[in-house]
Every structure is written in structure tokens, then in C-alpha cells.
């Protein structure tokens, strides 16, 4: 689409948003009729999307500068009454972030496929060749497990359980960082981090999580893993978003494409940080607690359900009847 066509197609909505922004500044947002305020929000979201398009396809153009000013002014009017940065952060987490996740579902699906697909492969390797499986584990896990037989009695595993759980949490945080930052390596480090971590999880699940102490193993992993693994997937999706801008920048120079992709990528990672924080708290307090293992697994399942609900439902537009 040419810039002239782009401007003509949306000019009316931009002008309407500019008019309502001036009116809201003069009268206050609270004085606007509900229908006008709803329309203003709709026009603001459209203008924000148009700005992202202009930044990608018409960088440095007059339309980009005008849209940037319009969106900034409208945002200041719409959210000035929200109570400052704390309220804006709350809106980001409760409304805008779920929308962002749904908008980048392709990258998230690919990240999940790399992580969980390699987990399945790791479980197969653990069953078929335990010696190879042990060799593929990171050194930190070989140190924790030592020469312990994976089919050892439950009492032997109980002594290792807290160390294994803590090691997995520490590893998952590192993997999240590598998966995101690896985007600047054209995605090579991102893919490696996801696949390597998936293999590790699959090997542990296949070796330890299928024997006589399977329930204890899963009661250690599921409560915090229900949040940690989605955080890794989100970090991987952010890295893949950066990698795509470098590998396939389209008509833009790679530097400009990377700049355009960096904002949604960083926001994806920012939203994943609370998941890691909560998961760390769960690992620190729930994992060592002497609760029924079944209750711990059920708690993890509830966390996964709440997270799925959070991603799928908030921020959706209501369809007019």
C-alpha cells in the first residue's frame, strides 16, 4: 500500500480522534458521553495500530510523525485520570498484555513446539538410552544427581528432591534470558536454549517421573513449572520475534526492522517476569512444604488453568448485538 492510500483510508478516523482529544482536554474525559468515549477508545486503538504500520512501512515519513503525536496526545488524555504509572502498569498486565500474547500467537506456538517437542524427544532418549540421557543433562544436574540410580527407591530420591527442584528453577530463569537475548543471534541461541532445556526436562521427566517416585517428582515440578514453562515460551517467542526481523526484514533495513520488532518483544518479556517471580515464590515456599503430593499437583493444574484464562479472555472487544 502506498503512503497516500494509507493516509486516505484512515484520515477520517484520525481526524475524529483529534477532535475528541481536543474536546476531552477542554471538558475532561469524564464529561464525554459513554458512546463518544467508547468511540474514542476504538479510534485510539486503530491509530496506535496505524502508527505501528507506519513505523514499519513508512519510517521517518510525515504520516508517521503526525500519528506519533496524535497517539501520544490521545493516550495522555485517555489515561491521565488513571492514577499514573501504577495504574498504567495494571492496565498493561490486565488488558494490553493478554492482547499482545494473542497477537503474537504464531511466535508463541513455534516457541512452545521447540520446547515441548524436544521434551518428548528427551523422554524417549531417557527410556531408550539412559547413558546417553545422563550425558545430555547439563553439568549442574549431573552434579546434583551424582551417580544416583534413577530407578532407586523413593527414600533415595527424597533427599535429592529439593536440590533437583531448585536446580530446575535456576536453570529455567537462565534459559528465559538466553531465549530472549538469543534473538540477536538471528535466533540461533534462542532455538538452542529452547531445545536444550526441553531435552533436559524430557530426560528428567522420562527418567525420574515415571518410576515409583513419579508422584513426588511431579509434585515438585508442576506447581512452579505451570508458570515457569509458559514464561520460557514467552521469552522464546520474544527472541523469535527479534530473529524474524533480522532474518526477514522485508523492505526495511535490518536495523529499522529490529527497532520495530524490539518493542513487542520487550513487552512480551516484561509480562513474563511476574510469572517467574510467582513461580520462584511457589518453589521457595510450597515445594518444601509437607503437603499431600496430589494437592501440590492439583495446585499446579489450577495455576495453569488460571494462566490460560488470563491469556485468552481479558482485553477482548465486545461484539455489538
C-alpha atoms as a PDB file:
ATOM      1  CA  UNK A   1       0.000   0.000   0.000  1.00  0.00           C
ATOM      2  CA  UNK A   2       1.308   3.461  -0.911  1.00  0.00           C
ATOM      3  CA  UNK A   3       1.546   6.090   1.818  1.00  0.00           C
ATOM      4  CA  UNK A   4      -1.068   8.270   0.113  1.00  0.00           C
ATOM      5  CA  UNK A   5      -3.578   5.397   0.077  1.00  0.00           C
ATOM      6  CA  UNK A   6      -2.741   4.577   3.687  1.00  0.00           C
ATOM      7  CA  UNK A   7      -3.465   8.164   4.767  1.00  0.00           C
ATOM      8  CA  UNK A   8      -6.678   8.495   2.765  1.00  0.00           C
ATOM      9  CA  UNK A   9      -8.039   5.224   4.129  1.00  0.00           C
ATOM     10  CA  UNK A  10      -7.751   6.289   7.779  1.00  0.00           C
ATOM     11  CA  UNK A  11      -7.876  10.086   7.615  1.00  0.00           C
ATOM     12  CA  UNK A  12     -11.473  10.314   8.877  1.00  0.00           C
ATOM     13  CA  UNK A  13     -10.771   8.179  11.967  1.00  0.00           C
ATOM     14  CA  UNK A  14      -7.621  10.154  12.764  1.00  0.00           C
ATOM     15  CA  UNK A  15      -9.445  13.461  12.465  1.00  0.00           C
ATOM     16  CA  UNK A  16     -12.279  12.212  14.652  1.00  0.00           C
ATOM     17  CA  UNK A  17      -9.758  11.128  17.299  1.00  0.00           C
ATOM     18  CA  UNK A  18      -8.022  14.515  17.130  1.00  0.00           C
ATOM     19  CA  UNK A  19     -11.360  16.318  17.567  1.00  0.00           C
ATOM     20  CA  UNK A  20     -12.389  14.167  20.539  1.00  0.00           C
ATOM     21  CA  UNK A  21      -8.953  14.600  22.109  1.00  0.00           C
ATOM     22  CA  UNK A  22      -9.344  18.380  21.969  1.00  0.00           C
ATOM     23  CA  UNK A  23     -12.854  18.144  23.396  1.00  0.00           C
ATOM     24  CA  UNK A  24     -11.713  15.848  26.206  1.00  0.00           C
ATOM     25  CA  UNK A  25      -8.908  18.239  27.078  1.00  0.00           C
ATOM     26  CA  UNK A  26     -11.358  21.123  27.253  1.00  0.00           C
ATOM     27  CA  UNK A  27     -14.193  19.391  29.126  1.00  0.00           C
ATOM     28  CA  UNK A  28     -12.462  16.446  30.784  1.00  0.00           C
ATOM     29  CA  UNK A  29     -12.752  12.811  29.799  1.00  0.00           C
ATOM     30  CA  UNK A  30     -15.402  12.190  32.428  1.00  0.00           C
ATOM     31  CA  UNK A  31     -17.710  14.706  30.734  1.00  0.00           C
ATOM     32  CA  UNK A  32     -17.792  12.781  27.458  1.00  0.00           C
ATOM     33  CA  UNK A  33     -20.878  10.670  26.742  1.00  0.00           C
ATOM     34  CA  UNK A  34     -20.302   6.930  27.101  1.00  0.00           C
ATOM     35  CA  UNK A  35     -20.790   6.363  23.365  1.00  0.00           C
ATOM     36  CA  UNK A  36     -18.254   9.061  22.487  1.00  0.00           C
ATOM     37  CA  UNK A  37     -15.732   7.694  24.970  1.00  0.00           C
ATOM     38  CA  UNK A  38     -16.164   4.201  23.534  1.00  0.00           C
ATOM     39  CA  UNK A  39     -15.627   5.523  20.018  1.00  0.00           C
ATOM     40  CA  UNK A  40     -12.562   7.463  21.192  1.00  0.00           C
ATOM     41  CA  UNK A  41     -11.025   4.292  22.614  1.00  0.00           C
ATOM     42  CA  UNK A  42     -11.727   2.467  19.345  1.00  0.00           C
ATOM     43  CA  UNK A  43     -10.187   5.249  17.265  1.00  0.00           C
ATOM     44  CA  UNK A  44      -7.197   5.385  19.603  1.00  0.00           C
ATOM     45  CA  UNK A  45      -6.529   1.660  19.196  1.00  0.00           C
ATOM     46  CA  UNK A  46      -6.859   1.989  15.435  1.00  0.00           C
ATOM     47  CA  UNK A  47      -4.482   4.959  15.375  1.00  0.00           C
ATOM     48  CA  UNK A  48      -1.976   3.017  17.508  1.00  0.00           C
ATOM     49  CA  UNK A  49      -2.136   0.127  15.044  1.00  0.00           C
ATOM     50  CA  UNK A  50      -1.743   2.557  12.143  1.00  0.00           C
ATOM     51  CA  UNK A  51       1.284   4.071  13.876  1.00  0.00           C
ATOM     52  CA  UNK A  52       2.912   0.651  14.151  1.00  0.00           C
ATOM     53  CA  UNK A  53       2.218   0.094  10.443  1.00  0.00           C
ATOM     54  CA  UNK A  54       3.661   3.490   9.525  1.00  0.00           C
ATOM     55  CA  UNK A  55       6.772   2.854  11.629  1.00  0.00           C
ATOM     56  CA  UNK A  56       7.328  -0.368   9.721  1.00  0.00           C
ATOM     57  CA  UNK A  57       6.430   0.701   6.179  1.00  0.00           C
ATOM     58  CA  UNK A  58       6.931   4.498   6.142  1.00  0.00           C
ATOM     59  CA  UNK A  59       9.675   5.207   8.717  1.00  0.00           C
ATOM     60  CA  UNK A  60      10.541   8.877   9.016  1.00  0.00           C
ATOM     61  CA  UNK A  61       7.530   9.967   6.969  1.00  0.00           C
ATOM     62  CA  UNK A  62       5.185  12.852   7.727  1.00  0.00           C
ATOM     63  CA  UNK A  63       2.341  10.410   8.388  1.00  0.00           C
ATOM     64  CA  UNK A  64       4.444   8.577  10.994  1.00  0.00           C
ATOM     65  CA  UNK A  65       5.308  11.826  12.805  1.00  0.00           C
ATOM     66  CA  UNK A  66       1.703  13.022  12.747  1.00  0.00           C
ATOM     67  CA  UNK A  67       0.407   9.686  14.020  1.00  0.00           C
ATOM     68  CA  UNK A  68       3.011   9.562  16.754  1.00  0.00           C
ATOM     69  CA  UNK A  69       1.901  12.984  18.002  1.00  0.00           C
ATOM     70  CA  UNK A  70      -1.793  12.075  17.755  1.00  0.00           C
ATOM     71  CA  UNK A  71      -1.422   8.769  19.604  1.00  0.00           C
ATOM     72  CA  UNK A  72       0.685  10.395  22.335  1.00  0.00           C
ATOM     73  CA  UNK A  73      -1.853  13.180  22.865  1.00  0.00           C
ATOM     74  CA  UNK A  74      -4.821  10.817  22.878  1.00  0.00           C
ATOM     75  CA  UNK A  75      -3.084   8.427  25.259  1.00  0.00           C
ATOM     76  CA  UNK A  76      -2.300  11.268  27.640  1.00  0.00           C
ATOM     77  CA  UNK A  77      -5.941  12.342  27.670  1.00  0.00           C
ATOM     78  CA  UNK A  78      -7.449   8.869  27.949  1.00  0.00           C
ATOM     79  CA  UNK A  79      -5.193   7.565  30.686  1.00  0.00           C
ATOM     80  CA  UNK A  80      -4.196  10.706  32.585  1.00  0.00           C
ATOM     81  CA  UNK A  81      -7.010  10.085  35.037  1.00  0.00           C
ATOM     82  CA  UNK A  82      -5.955   6.503  35.607  1.00  0.00           C
ATOM     83  CA  UNK A  83      -3.694   7.346  38.557  1.00  0.00           C
ATOM     84  CA  UNK A  84      -0.254   7.421  36.976  1.00  0.00           C
ATOM     85  CA  UNK A  85       2.287   4.777  36.251  1.00  0.00           C
ATOM     86  CA  UNK A  86       0.911   2.226  38.691  1.00  0.00           C
ATOM     87  CA  UNK A  87      -2.494   2.271  37.011  1.00  0.00           C
ATOM     88  CA  UNK A  88      -0.895   2.125  33.567  1.00  0.00           C
ATOM     89  CA  UNK A  89       1.120  -0.902  34.652  1.00  0.00           C
ATOM     90  CA  UNK A  90      -2.055  -2.511  35.966  1.00  0.00           C
ATOM     91  CA  UNK A  91      -3.821  -1.875  32.658  1.00  0.00           C
ATOM     92  CA  UNK A  92      -0.867  -3.311  30.754  1.00  0.00           C
ATOM     93  CA  UNK A  93      -0.928  -6.515  32.792  1.00  0.00           C
ATOM     94  CA  UNK A  94      -4.700  -6.938  32.880  1.00  0.00           C
ATOM     95  CA  UNK A  95      -5.725  -5.811  29.380  1.00  0.00           C
ATOM     96  CA  UNK A  96      -2.931  -4.983  26.987  1.00  0.00           C
ATOM     97  CA  UNK A  97      -0.600  -7.891  27.721  1.00  0.00           C
ATOM     98  CA  UNK A  98      -3.158 -10.644  27.033  1.00  0.00           C
ATOM     99  CA  UNK A  99      -3.921  -8.902  23.724  1.00  0.00           C
ATOM    100  CA  UNK A 100      -0.212  -8.789  22.928  1.00  0.00           C
ATOM    101  CA  UNK A 101       0.170 -12.505  23.627  1.00  0.00           C
ATOM    102  CA  UNK A 102      -2.757 -13.385  21.377  1.00  0.00           C
ATOM    103  CA  UNK A 103      -1.442 -11.120  18.619  1.00  0.00           C
ATOM    104  CA  UNK A 104       1.905 -12.982  18.620  1.00  0.00           C
ATOM    105  CA  UNK A 105       0.476 -16.476  18.805  1.00  0.00           C
ATOM    106  CA  UNK A 106       2.492 -17.676  15.800  1.00  0.00           C
ATOM    107  CA  UNK A 107       5.817 -16.961  17.525  1.00  0.00           C
ATOM    108  CA  UNK A 108       4.483 -18.374  20.795  1.00  0.00           C
ATOM    109  CA  UNK A 109       3.312 -21.561  19.079  1.00  0.00           C
ATOM    110  CA  UNK A 110       6.724 -22.053  17.459  1.00  0.00           C
ATOM    111  CA  UNK A 111       8.485 -21.437  20.768  1.00  0.00           C
ATOM    112  CA  UNK A 112       6.213 -23.952  22.515  1.00  0.00           C
ATOM    113  CA  UNK A 113       6.796 -26.502  19.751  1.00  0.00           C
ATOM    114  CA  UNK A 114      10.568 -26.213  20.137  1.00  0.00           C
ATOM    115  CA  UNK A 115      10.393 -26.537  23.935  1.00  0.00           C
ATOM    116  CA  UNK A 116       7.804 -29.280  24.318  1.00  0.00           C
ATOM    117  CA  UNK A 117       8.707 -31.144  21.137  1.00  0.00           C
ATOM    118  CA  UNK A 118      12.262 -31.539  22.397  1.00  0.00           C
ATOM    119  CA  UNK A 119      10.842 -32.576  25.792  1.00  0.00           C
ATOM    120  CA  UNK A 120       9.121 -35.511  24.135  1.00  0.00           C
ATOM    121  CA  UNK A 121      12.385 -36.399  22.414  1.00  0.00           C
ATOM    122  CA  UNK A 122      14.208 -36.206  25.753  1.00  0.00           C
ATOM    123  CA  UNK A 123      11.726 -38.591  27.372  1.00  0.00           C
ATOM    124  CA  UNK A 124      12.219 -41.056  24.505  1.00  0.00           C
ATOM    125  CA  UNK A 125      16.011 -40.859  24.889  1.00  0.00           C
ATOM    126  CA  UNK A 126      15.723 -41.427  28.649  1.00  0.00           C
ATOM    127  CA  UNK A 127      13.741 -44.598  28.038  1.00  0.00           C
ATOM    128  CA  UNK A 128      15.876 -45.903  25.177  1.00  0.00           C
ATOM    129  CA  UNK A 129      19.422 -44.977  26.263  1.00  0.00           C
ATOM    130  CA  UNK A 130      19.845 -43.869  29.912  1.00  0.00           C
ATOM    131  CA  UNK A 131      23.612 -43.439  29.495  1.00  0.00           C
ATOM    132  CA  UNK A 132      23.133 -41.004  26.615  1.00  0.00           C
ATOM    133  CA  UNK A 133      20.363 -39.258  28.540  1.00  0.00           C
ATOM    134  CA  UNK A 134      22.655 -38.645  31.513  1.00  0.00           C
ATOM    135  CA  UNK A 135      25.367 -37.343  29.191  1.00  0.00           C
ATOM    136  CA  UNK A 136      22.918 -34.847  27.639  1.00  0.00           C
ATOM    137  CA  UNK A 137      21.978 -33.364  31.009  1.00  0.00           C
ATOM    138  CA  UNK A 138      23.632 -30.049  31.948  1.00  0.00           C
ATOM    139  CA  UNK A 139      26.523 -30.386  34.377  1.00  0.00           C
ATOM    140  CA  UNK A 140      24.543 -28.823  37.226  1.00  0.00           C
ATOM    141  CA  UNK A 141      22.052 -31.711  37.096  1.00  0.00           C
ATOM    142  CA  UNK A 142      24.748 -34.350  36.811  1.00  0.00           C
ATOM    143  CA  UNK A 143      26.341 -32.826  39.910  1.00  0.00           C
ATOM    144  CA  UNK A 144      23.039 -32.874  41.808  1.00  0.00           C
ATOM    145  CA  UNK A 145      22.150 -36.415  40.810  1.00  0.00           C
ATOM    146  CA  UNK A 146      25.709 -37.701  41.046  1.00  0.00           C
ATOM    147  CA  UNK A 147      25.813 -41.387  40.245  1.00  0.00           C
ATOM    148  CA  UNK A 148      22.406 -41.942  41.795  1.00  0.00           C
ATOM    149  CA  UNK A 149      20.449 -44.655  40.048  1.00  0.00           C
ATOM    150  CA  UNK A 150      17.320 -43.116  38.565  1.00  0.00           C
ATOM    151  CA  UNK A 151      15.350 -46.212  39.484  1.00  0.00           C
ATOM    152  CA  UNK A 152      16.453 -46.011  43.115  1.00  0.00           C
ATOM    153  CA  UNK A 153      13.917 -46.376  45.950  1.00  0.00           C
ATOM    154  CA  UNK A 154      11.768 -43.424  46.867  1.00  0.00           C
ATOM    155  CA  UNK A 155      13.761 -42.659  50.028  1.00  0.00           C
ATOM    156  CA  UNK A 156      16.888 -42.021  47.967  1.00  0.00           C
ATOM    157  CA  UNK A 157      15.106 -39.575  45.690  1.00  0.00           C
ATOM    158  CA  UNK A 158      13.557 -37.722  48.627  1.00  0.00           C
ATOM    159  CA  UNK A 159      16.973 -36.491  49.687  1.00  0.00           C
ATOM    160  CA  UNK A 160      17.666 -35.136  46.205  1.00  0.00           C
ATOM    161  CA  UNK A 161      14.224 -33.697  45.517  1.00  0.00           C
ATOM    162  CA  UNK A 162      14.735 -30.148  46.894  1.00  0.00           C
ATOM    163  CA  UNK A 163      18.054 -29.828  45.058  1.00  0.00           C
ATOM    164  CA  UNK A 164      16.541 -31.016  41.780  1.00  0.00           C
ATOM    165  CA  UNK A 165      13.613 -28.598  42.101  1.00  0.00           C
ATOM    166  CA  UNK A 166      15.863 -25.632  42.936  1.00  0.00           C
ATOM    167  CA  UNK A 167      18.239 -26.515  40.102  1.00  0.00           C
ATOM    168  CA  UNK A 168      15.360 -26.650  37.612  1.00  0.00           C
ATOM    169  CA  UNK A 169      14.076 -23.237  38.730  1.00  0.00           C
ATOM    170  CA  UNK A 170      17.525 -21.658  38.472  1.00  0.00           C
ATOM    171  CA  UNK A 171      18.038 -23.219  35.062  1.00  0.00           C
ATOM    172  CA  UNK A 172      14.644 -22.045  33.794  1.00  0.00           C
ATOM    173  CA  UNK A 173      15.401 -18.422  34.688  1.00  0.00           C
ATOM    174  CA  UNK A 174      18.701 -18.593  32.818  1.00  0.00           C
ATOM    175  CA  UNK A 175      17.037 -20.211  29.817  1.00  0.00           C
ATOM    176  CA  UNK A 176      14.425 -17.435  29.700  1.00  0.00           C
ATOM    177  CA  UNK A 177      17.180 -14.826  29.482  1.00  0.00           C
ATOM    178  CA  UNK A 178      19.100 -16.743  26.827  1.00  0.00           C
ATOM    179  CA  UNK A 179      15.968 -17.417  24.790  1.00  0.00           C
ATOM    180  CA  UNK A 180      15.137 -13.711  24.625  1.00  0.00           C
ATOM    181  CA  UNK A 181      18.639 -12.329  24.138  1.00  0.00           C
ATOM    182  CA  UNK A 182      19.353 -15.055  21.608  1.00  0.00           C
ATOM    183  CA  UNK A 183      17.114 -13.281  19.127  1.00  0.00           C
ATOM    184  CA  UNK A 184      20.016 -11.026  18.161  1.00  0.00           C
ATOM    185  CA  UNK A 185      21.942 -14.117  17.003  1.00  0.00           C
ATOM    186  CA  UNK A 186      19.345 -14.489  14.242  1.00  0.00           C
ATOM    187  CA  UNK A 187      17.517 -16.881  16.552  1.00  0.00           C
ATOM    188  CA  UNK A 188      20.290 -19.482  16.779  1.00  0.00           C
ATOM    189  CA  UNK A 189      20.792 -19.120  20.546  1.00  0.00           C
ATOM    190  CA  UNK A 190      17.028 -18.894  21.092  1.00  0.00           C
ATOM    191  CA  UNK A 191      16.430 -22.204  19.327  1.00  0.00           C
ATOM    192  CA  UNK A 192      19.363 -23.817  21.144  1.00  0.00           C
ATOM    193  CA  UNK A 193      18.142 -22.628  24.562  1.00  0.00           C
ATOM    194  CA  UNK A 194      14.605 -23.903  23.972  1.00  0.00           C
ATOM    195  CA  UNK A 195      15.672 -27.264  22.551  1.00  0.00           C
ATOM    196  CA  UNK A 196      18.383 -27.860  25.151  1.00  0.00           C
ATOM    197  CA  UNK A 197      16.017 -27.029  28.016  1.00  0.00           C
ATOM    198  CA  UNK A 198      13.265 -29.142  26.506  1.00  0.00           C
ATOM    199  CA  UNK A 199      15.618 -32.122  26.223  1.00  0.00           C
ATOM    200  CA  UNK A 200      16.673 -31.669  29.841  1.00  0.00           C
ATOM    201  CA  UNK A 201      13.095 -31.527  31.109  1.00  0.00           C
ATOM    202  CA  UNK A 202      12.085 -34.502  28.988  1.00  0.00           C
ATOM    203  CA  UNK A 203      15.022 -36.583  30.213  1.00  0.00           C
ATOM    204  CA  UNK A 204      14.245 -35.812  33.862  1.00  0.00           C
ATOM    205  CA  UNK A 205      10.547 -36.500  33.336  1.00  0.00           C
ATOM    206  CA  UNK A 206      11.218 -39.738  31.481  1.00  0.00           C
ATOM    207  CA  UNK A 207      13.837 -40.993  33.916  1.00  0.00           C
ATOM    208  CA  UNK A 208      12.632 -39.811  37.312  1.00  0.00           C
ATOM    209  CA  UNK A 209       8.976 -39.027  36.664  1.00  0.00           C
ATOM    210  CA  UNK A 210       7.919 -42.489  35.529  1.00  0.00           C
ATOM    211  CA  UNK A 211       9.168 -44.689  38.372  1.00  0.00           C
ATOM    212  CA  UNK A 212       7.979 -45.472  41.864  1.00  0.00           C
ATOM    213  CA  UNK A 213       8.566 -41.881  42.951  1.00  0.00           C
ATOM    214  CA  UNK A 214       6.769 -40.303  39.966  1.00  0.00           C
ATOM    215  CA  UNK A 215       4.108 -38.593  42.079  1.00  0.00           C
ATOM    216  CA  UNK A 216       6.703 -36.968  44.318  1.00  0.00           C
ATOM    217  CA  UNK A 217       8.652 -35.779  41.270  1.00  0.00           C
ATOM    218  CA  UNK A 218       5.618 -34.204  39.626  1.00  0.00           C
ATOM    219  CA  UNK A 219       4.502 -32.650  42.926  1.00  0.00           C
ATOM    220  CA  UNK A 220       7.847 -30.832  42.963  1.00  0.00           C
ATOM    221  CA  UNK A 221       7.799 -29.750  39.326  1.00  0.00           C
ATOM    222  CA  UNK A 222       4.194 -28.959  38.412  1.00  0.00           C
ATOM    223  CA  UNK A 223       3.386 -26.187  40.964  1.00  0.00           C
ATOM    224  CA  UNK A 224       6.120 -23.805  39.784  1.00  0.00           C
ATOM    225  CA  UNK A 225       6.563 -25.326  36.320  1.00  0.00           C
ATOM    226  CA  UNK A 226       2.984 -24.371  35.439  1.00  0.00           C
ATOM    227  CA  UNK A 227       4.199 -20.753  35.390  1.00  0.00           C
ATOM    228  CA  UNK A 228       7.907 -21.146  34.619  1.00  0.00           C
ATOM    229  CA  UNK A 229       7.437 -23.078  31.383  1.00  0.00           C
ATOM    230  CA  UNK A 230       4.974 -20.539  29.899  1.00  0.00           C
ATOM    231  CA  UNK A 231       7.465 -17.817  30.881  1.00  0.00           C
ATOM    232  CA  UNK A 232      10.174 -19.637  28.921  1.00  0.00           C
ATOM    233  CA  UNK A 233       7.819 -19.963  25.952  1.00  0.00           C
ATOM    234  CA  UNK A 234       7.070 -16.227  26.072  1.00  0.00           C
ATOM    235  CA  UNK A 235      10.767 -15.353  26.307  1.00  0.00           C
ATOM    236  CA  UNK A 236      11.445 -17.668  23.384  1.00  0.00           C
ATOM    237  CA  UNK A 237       8.669 -16.033  21.372  1.00  0.00           C
ATOM    238  CA  UNK A 238      10.237 -12.640  22.078  1.00  0.00           C
ATOM    239  CA  UNK A 239      13.592 -13.909  20.845  1.00  0.00           C
ATOM    240  CA  UNK A 240      11.999 -15.381  17.726  1.00  0.00           C
ATOM    241  CA  UNK A 241      10.269 -12.043  17.070  1.00  0.00           C
ATOM    242  CA  UNK A 242      13.643 -10.306  17.070  1.00  0.00           C
ATOM    243  CA  UNK A 243      15.134 -13.067  14.939  1.00  0.00           C
ATOM    244  CA  UNK A 244      12.404 -12.755  12.338  1.00  0.00           C
ATOM    245  CA  UNK A 245      13.139  -9.043  11.958  1.00  0.00           C
ATOM    246  CA  UNK A 246      16.789  -9.886  11.284  1.00  0.00           C
ATOM    247  CA  UNK A 247      16.212 -12.888   9.022  1.00  0.00           C
ATOM    248  CA  UNK A 248      13.285 -11.466   7.036  1.00  0.00           C
ATOM    249  CA  UNK A 249      13.282  -7.656   7.400  1.00  0.00           C
ATOM    250  CA  UNK A 250      11.141  -7.152   4.304  1.00  0.00           C
ATOM    251  CA  UNK A 251      11.611  -3.794   2.623  1.00  0.00           C
ATOM    252  CA  UNK A 252      13.222  -2.247   5.704  1.00  0.00           C
ATOM    253  CA  UNK A 253      16.910  -2.165   6.576  1.00  0.00           C
ATOM    254  CA  UNK A 254      17.643  -4.754   9.262  1.00  0.00           C
ATOM    255  CA  UNK A 255      18.323  -2.058  11.857  1.00  0.00           C
ATOM    256  CA  UNK A 256      14.893  -0.485  11.294  1.00  0.00           C
ATOM    257  CA  UNK A 257      13.143  -3.851  11.250  1.00  0.00           C
ATOM    258  CA  UNK A 258      14.855  -4.803  14.506  1.00  0.00           C
ATOM    259  CA  UNK A 259      13.836  -1.490  16.071  1.00  0.00           C
ATOM    260  CA  UNK A 260      10.202  -2.041  15.081  1.00  0.00           C
ATOM    261  CA  UNK A 261      10.225  -5.593  16.473  1.00  0.00           C
ATOM    262  CA  UNK A 262      12.007  -4.712  19.703  1.00  0.00           C
ATOM    263  CA  UNK A 263       9.042  -3.052  21.411  1.00  0.00           C
ATOM    264  CA  UNK A 264       6.613  -6.023  21.268  1.00  0.00           C
ATOM    265  CA  UNK A 265       9.497  -8.387  22.040  1.00  0.00           C
ATOM    266  CA  UNK A 266      10.481  -6.456  25.162  1.00  0.00           C
ATOM    267  CA  UNK A 267       6.846  -6.213  26.262  1.00  0.00           C
ATOM    268  CA  UNK A 268       6.439  -9.985  25.905  1.00  0.00           C
ATOM    269  CA  UNK A 269       9.407 -10.487  28.220  1.00  0.00           C
ATOM    270  CA  UNK A 270       8.201  -7.867  30.707  1.00  0.00           C
ATOM    271  CA  UNK A 271       4.927  -9.723  31.057  1.00  0.00           C
ATOM    272  CA  UNK A 272       6.783 -12.982  31.656  1.00  0.00           C
ATOM    273  CA  UNK A 273       8.766 -11.579  34.594  1.00  0.00           C
ATOM    274  CA  UNK A 274       5.831 -11.728  37.074  1.00  0.00           C
ATOM    275  CA  UNK A 275       5.352 -15.384  36.133  1.00  0.00           C
ATOM    276  CA  UNK A 276       8.952 -16.130  37.084  1.00  0.00           C
ATOM    277  CA  UNK A 277       8.621 -14.147  40.325  1.00  0.00           C
ATOM    278  CA  UNK A 278       5.476 -16.005  41.387  1.00  0.00           C
ATOM    279  CA  UNK A 279       6.971 -19.334  40.303  1.00  0.00           C
ATOM    280  CA  UNK A 280      10.050 -18.599  42.405  1.00  0.00           C
ATOM    281  CA  UNK A 281       7.870 -17.872  45.427  1.00  0.00           C
ATOM    282  CA  UNK A 282       5.992 -21.131  44.884  1.00  0.00           C
ATOM    283  CA  UNK A 283       9.252 -23.059  44.590  1.00  0.00           C
ATOM    284  CA  UNK A 284      10.565 -21.444  47.750  1.00  0.00           C
ATOM    285  CA  UNK A 285       7.511 -21.935  49.958  1.00  0.00           C
ATOM    286  CA  UNK A 286       5.271 -24.661  48.519  1.00  0.00           C
ATOM    287  CA  UNK A 287       7.889 -27.087  47.199  1.00  0.00           C
ATOM    288  CA  UNK A 288       9.493 -27.850  50.598  1.00  0.00           C
ATOM    289  CA  UNK A 289       6.133 -27.868  52.419  1.00  0.00           C
ATOM    290  CA  UNK A 290       4.896 -31.228  53.668  1.00  0.00           C
ATOM    291  CA  UNK A 291       1.607 -31.175  51.782  1.00  0.00           C
ATOM    292  CA  UNK A 292      -0.108 -34.053  50.036  1.00  0.00           C
ATOM    293  CA  UNK A 293       1.659 -34.536  46.646  1.00  0.00           C
ATOM    294  CA  UNK A 294      -1.698 -34.851  44.905  1.00  0.00           C
ATOM    295  CA  UNK A 295      -2.723 -31.468  46.318  1.00  0.00           C
ATOM    296  CA  UNK A 296       0.516 -29.940  45.026  1.00  0.00           C
ATOM    297  CA  UNK A 297      -0.103 -31.292  41.527  1.00  0.00           C
ATOM    298  CA  UNK A 298      -3.701 -30.044  41.664  1.00  0.00           C
ATOM    299  CA  UNK A 299      -2.432 -26.614  42.702  1.00  0.00           C
ATOM    300  CA  UNK A 300      -0.140 -26.546  39.666  1.00  0.00           C
ATOM    301  CA  UNK A 301      -3.033 -27.533  37.432  1.00  0.00           C
ATOM    302  CA  UNK A 302      -5.099 -24.697  38.872  1.00  0.00           C
ATOM    303  CA  UNK A 303      -2.254 -22.254  38.176  1.00  0.00           C
ATOM    304  CA  UNK A 304      -2.091 -23.432  34.565  1.00  0.00           C
ATOM    305  CA  UNK A 305      -5.867 -23.029  34.189  1.00  0.00           C
ATOM    306  CA  UNK A 306      -5.826 -19.507  35.637  1.00  0.00           C
ATOM    307  CA  UNK A 307      -2.953 -18.528  33.351  1.00  0.00           C
ATOM    308  CA  UNK A 308      -4.778 -19.851  30.288  1.00  0.00           C
ATOM    309  CA  UNK A 309      -7.904 -17.932  31.316  1.00  0.00           C
ATOM    310  CA  UNK A 310      -5.846 -14.772  31.808  1.00  0.00           C
ATOM    311  CA  UNK A 311      -4.311 -15.046  28.340  1.00  0.00           C
ATOM    312  CA  UNK A 312      -7.474 -15.975  26.456  1.00  0.00           C
ATOM    313  CA  UNK A 313     -10.185 -13.753  27.943  1.00  0.00           C
ATOM    314  CA  UNK A 314      -9.135 -10.226  29.073  1.00  0.00           C
ATOM    315  CA  UNK A 315      -8.989  -7.369  26.600  1.00  0.00           C
ATOM    316  CA  UNK A 316     -11.330  -8.823  24.018  1.00  0.00           C
ATOM    317  CA  UNK A 317     -13.668  -6.453  22.223  1.00  0.00           C
ATOM    318  CA  UNK A 318     -17.331  -6.978  22.948  1.00  0.00           C
ATOM    319  CA  UNK A 319     -19.292  -7.745  19.840  1.00  0.00           C
ATOM    320  CA  UNK A 320     -22.170  -5.430  19.165  1.00  0.00           C
ATOM    321  CA  UNK A 321     -25.541  -7.169  19.241  1.00  0.00           C
END
